Amino acid sequence: MFSHVMVGTNDVQKSKQFYDATFQAMGGKPGRQDDKGRLIYMHNGGLFLVTPPIDGEPATHANGGTIGLAMTPEQANAWHQAGVEAGGTAIEDAPGVRTGAMGQLYLAYLRDPDGNKLCALHRMPAAT
């Protein structure tokens, strides 16, 4: 559906601490930094990048925007805990199952140190 997701940051090292912790908690590897100062994370065929804005203006988060990351409920719990411990902010309800129009989903939400909204998501098996 998408080739990559990129978010802006005003503090690359703070973002690296946060994203290294959250990606490792869900089974990924620490990010690497390219020659332009961008952080690059690759996991399960997806590409996630963190960058200072190219235009030199401050990075801001998207109001109403959410970046969803697929993982198991166990990974979501570890991801959420690691994110809070690495400078993120827990938002919305505590991690857990929610029922809605898309069926039952296991969800956990964080804001990264720059305010970007992230969601760990696992689609629960349909009841038989």
C-alpha atoms as a PDB file:
ATOM      1  CA  MET A   1       0.000   0.000   0.000  1.00  0.00           C
ATOM      2  CA  PHE A   2       2.851   2.418   0.703  1.00  0.00           C
ATOM      3  CA  SER A   3       6.574   2.501  -0.041  1.00  0.00           C
ATOM      4  CA  HIS A   4       7.694   4.282   3.115  1.00  0.00           C
ATOM      5  CA  VAL A   5       6.735   6.639   5.919  1.00  0.00           C
ATOM      6  CA  MET A   6       8.859   9.633   6.929  1.00  0.00           C
ATOM      7  CA  VAL A   7       8.395  11.931   9.912  1.00  0.00           C
ATOM      8  CA  GLY A   8      10.232  15.107  10.812  1.00  0.00           C
ATOM      9  CA  THR A   9      12.306  15.714  13.909  1.00  0.00           C
ATOM     10  CA  ASN A  10      13.924  18.660  15.634  1.00  0.00           C
ATOM     11  CA  ASP A  11      16.338  16.408  17.563  1.00  0.00           C
ATOM     12  CA  VAL A  12      17.783  13.452  15.624  1.00  0.00           C
ATOM     13  CA  GLN A  13      19.542  11.940  18.655  1.00  0.00           C
ATOM     14  CA  LYS A  14      16.395  12.058  20.823  1.00  0.00           C
ATOM     15  CA  SER A  15      14.444  10.478  17.964  1.00  0.00           C
ATOM     16  CA  LYS A  16      17.109   7.795  17.512  1.00  0.00           C
ATOM     17  CA  GLN A  17      16.872   6.882  21.202  1.00  0.00           C
ATOM     18  CA  PHE A  18      13.067   6.637  20.957  1.00  0.00           C
ATOM     19  CA  TYR A  19      12.827   4.798  17.627  1.00  0.00           C
ATOM     20  CA  ASP A  20      15.732   2.418  18.341  1.00  0.00           C
ATOM     21  CA  ALA A  21      13.957   1.387  21.571  1.00  0.00           C
ATOM     22  CA  THR A  22      10.531   0.954  19.950  1.00  0.00           C
ATOM     23  CA  PHE A  23      11.769  -0.890  16.857  1.00  0.00           C
ATOM     24  CA  GLN A  24      13.933  -3.227  18.944  1.00  0.00           C
ATOM     25  CA  ALA A  25      10.956  -3.934  21.235  1.00  0.00           C
ATOM     26  CA  MET A  26       8.974  -5.228  18.234  1.00  0.00           C
ATOM     27  CA  GLY A  27      11.853  -7.309  16.888  1.00  0.00           C
ATOM     28  CA  GLY A  28      13.502  -4.758  14.599  1.00  0.00           C
ATOM     29  CA  LYS A  29      17.012  -3.364  14.487  1.00  0.00           C
ATOM     30  CA  PRO A  30      18.367   0.052  15.480  1.00  0.00           C
ATOM     31  CA  GLY A  31      18.222   2.674  12.767  1.00  0.00           C
ATOM     32  CA  ARG A  32      21.175   3.732  10.720  1.00  0.00           C
ATOM     33  CA  GLN A  33      21.940   7.312   9.828  1.00  0.00           C
ATOM     34  CA  ASP A  34      22.645   8.280   6.216  1.00  0.00           C
ATOM     35  CA  ASP A  35      24.939  11.027   4.942  1.00  0.00           C
ATOM     36  CA  LYS A  36      22.048  13.549   5.068  1.00  0.00           C
ATOM     37  CA  GLY A  37      21.439  12.897   8.776  1.00  0.00           C
ATOM     38  CA  ARG A  38      18.242  10.900   8.245  1.00  0.00           C
ATOM     39  CA  LEU A  39      17.484   7.849  10.386  1.00  0.00           C
ATOM     40  CA  ILE A  40      16.463   4.761   8.411  1.00  0.00           C
ATOM     41  CA  TYR A  41      14.590   1.787   9.872  1.00  0.00           C
ATOM     42  CA  MET A  42      13.733  -1.342   7.872  1.00  0.00           C
ATOM     43  CA  HIS A  43      11.443  -4.020   9.295  1.00  0.00           C
ATOM     44  CA  ASN A  44       9.119  -6.649   7.793  1.00  0.00           C
ATOM     45  CA  GLY A  45       9.449  -5.158   4.313  1.00  0.00           C
ATOM     46  CA  GLY A  46       8.592  -1.626   5.447  1.00  0.00           C
ATOM     47  CA  LEU A  47      10.752   1.466   5.480  1.00  0.00           C
ATOM     48  CA  PHE A  48      10.434   4.185   8.140  1.00  0.00           C
ATOM     49  CA  LEU A  49      12.558   7.346   8.068  1.00  0.00           C
ATOM     50  CA  VAL A  50      13.083  10.228  10.489  1.00  0.00           C
ATOM     51  CA  THR A  51      14.582  13.479   9.190  1.00  0.00           C
ATOM     52  CA  PRO A  52      15.182  17.097  10.000  1.00  0.00           C
ATOM     53  CA  PRO A  53      12.984  19.033   7.528  1.00  0.00           C
ATOM     54  CA  ILE A  54      14.769  19.739   4.246  1.00  0.00           C
ATOM     55  CA  ASP A  55      13.380  23.293   4.128  1.00  0.00           C
ATOM     56  CA  GLY A  56      15.154  24.211   7.382  1.00  0.00           C
ATOM     57  CA  GLU A  57      11.888  25.038   9.156  1.00  0.00           C
ATOM     58  CA  PRO A  58      10.984  23.342  12.479  1.00  0.00           C
ATOM     59  CA  ALA A  59       9.453  19.867  12.307  1.00  0.00           C
ATOM     60  CA  THR A  60       5.814  19.635  13.383  1.00  0.00           C
ATOM     61  CA  HIS A  61       3.481  16.667  13.719  1.00  0.00           C
ATOM     62  CA  ALA A  62       0.386  16.138  11.596  1.00  0.00           C
ATOM     63  CA  ASN A  63      -2.767  16.996  13.528  1.00  0.00           C
ATOM     64  CA  GLY A  64      -5.135  14.092  12.885  1.00  0.00           C
ATOM     65  CA  GLY A  65      -2.396  11.958  11.330  1.00  0.00           C
ATOM     66  CA  THR A  66      -1.475   8.523  12.666  1.00  0.00           C
ATOM     67  CA  ILE A  67       1.225   6.095  11.569  1.00  0.00           C
ATOM     68  CA  GLY A  68       0.159   2.473  12.088  1.00  0.00           C
ATOM     69  CA  LEU A  69       2.692  -0.306  12.655  1.00  0.00           C
ATOM     70  CA  ALA A  70       1.592  -3.954  12.427  1.00  0.00           C
ATOM     71  CA  MET A  71       2.723  -6.273  15.237  1.00  0.00           C
ATOM     72  CA  THR A  72       1.521  -8.916  17.673  1.00  0.00           C
ATOM     73  CA  PRO A  73      -0.152  -7.927  20.977  1.00  0.00           C
ATOM     74  CA  GLU A  74       3.001  -8.989  22.845  1.00  0.00           C
ATOM     75  CA  GLN A  75       5.159  -6.850  20.582  1.00  0.00           C
ATOM     76  CA  ALA A  76       2.701  -3.950  20.978  1.00  0.00           C
ATOM     77  CA  ASN A  77       3.026  -4.104  24.766  1.00  0.00           C
ATOM     78  CA  ALA A  78       6.841  -4.193  24.606  1.00  0.00           C
ATOM     79  CA  TRP A  79       6.828  -1.405  21.964  1.00  0.00           C
ATOM     80  CA  HIS A  80       4.561   0.790  24.103  1.00  0.00           C
ATOM     81  CA  GLN A  81       6.621   0.295  27.260  1.00  0.00           C
ATOM     82  CA  ALA A  82       9.913   0.881  25.425  1.00  0.00           C
ATOM     83  CA  GLY A  83       8.515   4.023  23.826  1.00  0.00           C
ATOM     84  CA  VAL A  84       7.413   5.535  27.133  1.00  0.00           C
ATOM     85  CA  GLU A  85      10.779   4.673  28.705  1.00  0.00           C
ATOM     86  CA  ALA A  86      12.607   6.264  25.738  1.00  0.00           C
ATOM     87  CA  GLY A  87      10.868   9.638  25.921  1.00  0.00           C
ATOM     88  CA  GLY A  88       7.543   9.004  24.190  1.00  0.00           C
ATOM     89  CA  THR A  89       4.122   9.796  25.626  1.00  0.00           C
ATOM     90  CA  ALA A  90       1.355   7.236  26.178  1.00  0.00           C
ATOM     91  CA  ILE A  91      -1.898   8.541  24.700  1.00  0.00           C
ATOM     92  CA  GLU A  92      -5.504   7.389  24.410  1.00  0.00           C
ATOM     93  CA  ASP A  93      -6.498   4.224  26.282  1.00  0.00           C
ATOM     94  CA  ALA A  94      -3.997   1.722  27.667  1.00  0.00           C
ATOM     95  CA  PRO A  95      -2.890  -0.965  25.192  1.00  0.00           C
ATOM     96  CA  GLY A  96      -5.616  -3.538  24.661  1.00  0.00           C
ATOM     97  CA  VAL A  97      -8.440  -4.923  22.534  1.00  0.00           C
ATOM     98  CA  ARG A  98     -11.022  -2.542  21.132  1.00  0.00           C
ATOM     99  CA  THR A  99     -14.093  -3.453  19.109  1.00  0.00           C
ATOM    100  CA  GLY A 100     -15.294  -1.255  16.274  1.00  0.00           C
ATOM    101  CA  ALA A 101     -16.344  -1.233  12.638  1.00  0.00           C
ATOM    102  CA  MET A 102     -13.147  -3.108  11.681  1.00  0.00           C
ATOM    103  CA  GLY A 103     -13.804  -5.893  14.223  1.00  0.00           C
ATOM    104  CA  GLN A 104     -11.564  -6.528  17.198  1.00  0.00           C
ATOM    105  CA  LEU A 105      -8.195  -4.827  17.127  1.00  0.00           C
ATOM    106  CA  TYR A 106      -5.373  -4.836  19.651  1.00  0.00           C
ATOM    107  CA  LEU A 107      -4.170  -1.219  19.779  1.00  0.00           C
ATOM    108  CA  ALA A 108      -1.485   0.784  21.586  1.00  0.00           C
ATOM    109  CA  TYR A 109      -0.812   4.488  20.973  1.00  0.00           C
ATOM    110  CA  LEU A 110       2.228   6.716  21.551  1.00  0.00           C
ATOM    111  CA  ARG A 111       3.475  10.135  20.566  1.00  0.00           C
ATOM    112  CA  ASP A 112       7.164  10.280  19.725  1.00  0.00           C
ATOM    113  CA  PRO A 113       9.352  13.048  21.207  1.00  0.00           C
ATOM    114  CA  ASP A 114       8.340  15.395  18.336  1.00  0.00           C
ATOM    115  CA  GLY A 115       4.597  14.731  18.788  1.00  0.00           C
ATOM    116  CA  ASN A 116       4.022  12.325  15.875  1.00  0.00           C
ATOM    117  CA  LYS A 117       1.165   9.917  16.645  1.00  0.00           C
ATOM    118  CA  LEU A 118       2.025   6.222  16.330  1.00  0.00           C
ATOM    119  CA  CYS A 119      -0.239   3.193  16.637  1.00  0.00           C
ATOM    120  CA  ALA A 120       0.676  -0.453  17.183  1.00  0.00           C
ATOM    121  CA  LEU A 121      -2.078  -2.565  15.594  1.00  0.00           C
ATOM    122  CA  HIS A 122      -2.943  -6.258  15.543  1.00  0.00           C
ATOM    123  CA  ARG A 123      -6.127  -7.544  13.893  1.00  0.00           C
ATOM    124  CA  MET A 124      -7.618 -10.141  16.230  1.00  0.00           C
ATOM    125  CA  PRO A 125      -8.855 -13.409  14.656  1.00  0.00           C
ATOM    126  CA  ALA A 126     -12.564 -13.427  13.911  1.00  0.00           C
ATOM    127  CA  ALA A 127     -14.693 -15.365  16.392  1.00  0.00           C
ATOM    128  CA  THR A 128     -15.927 -18.660  14.983  1.00  0.00           C
END
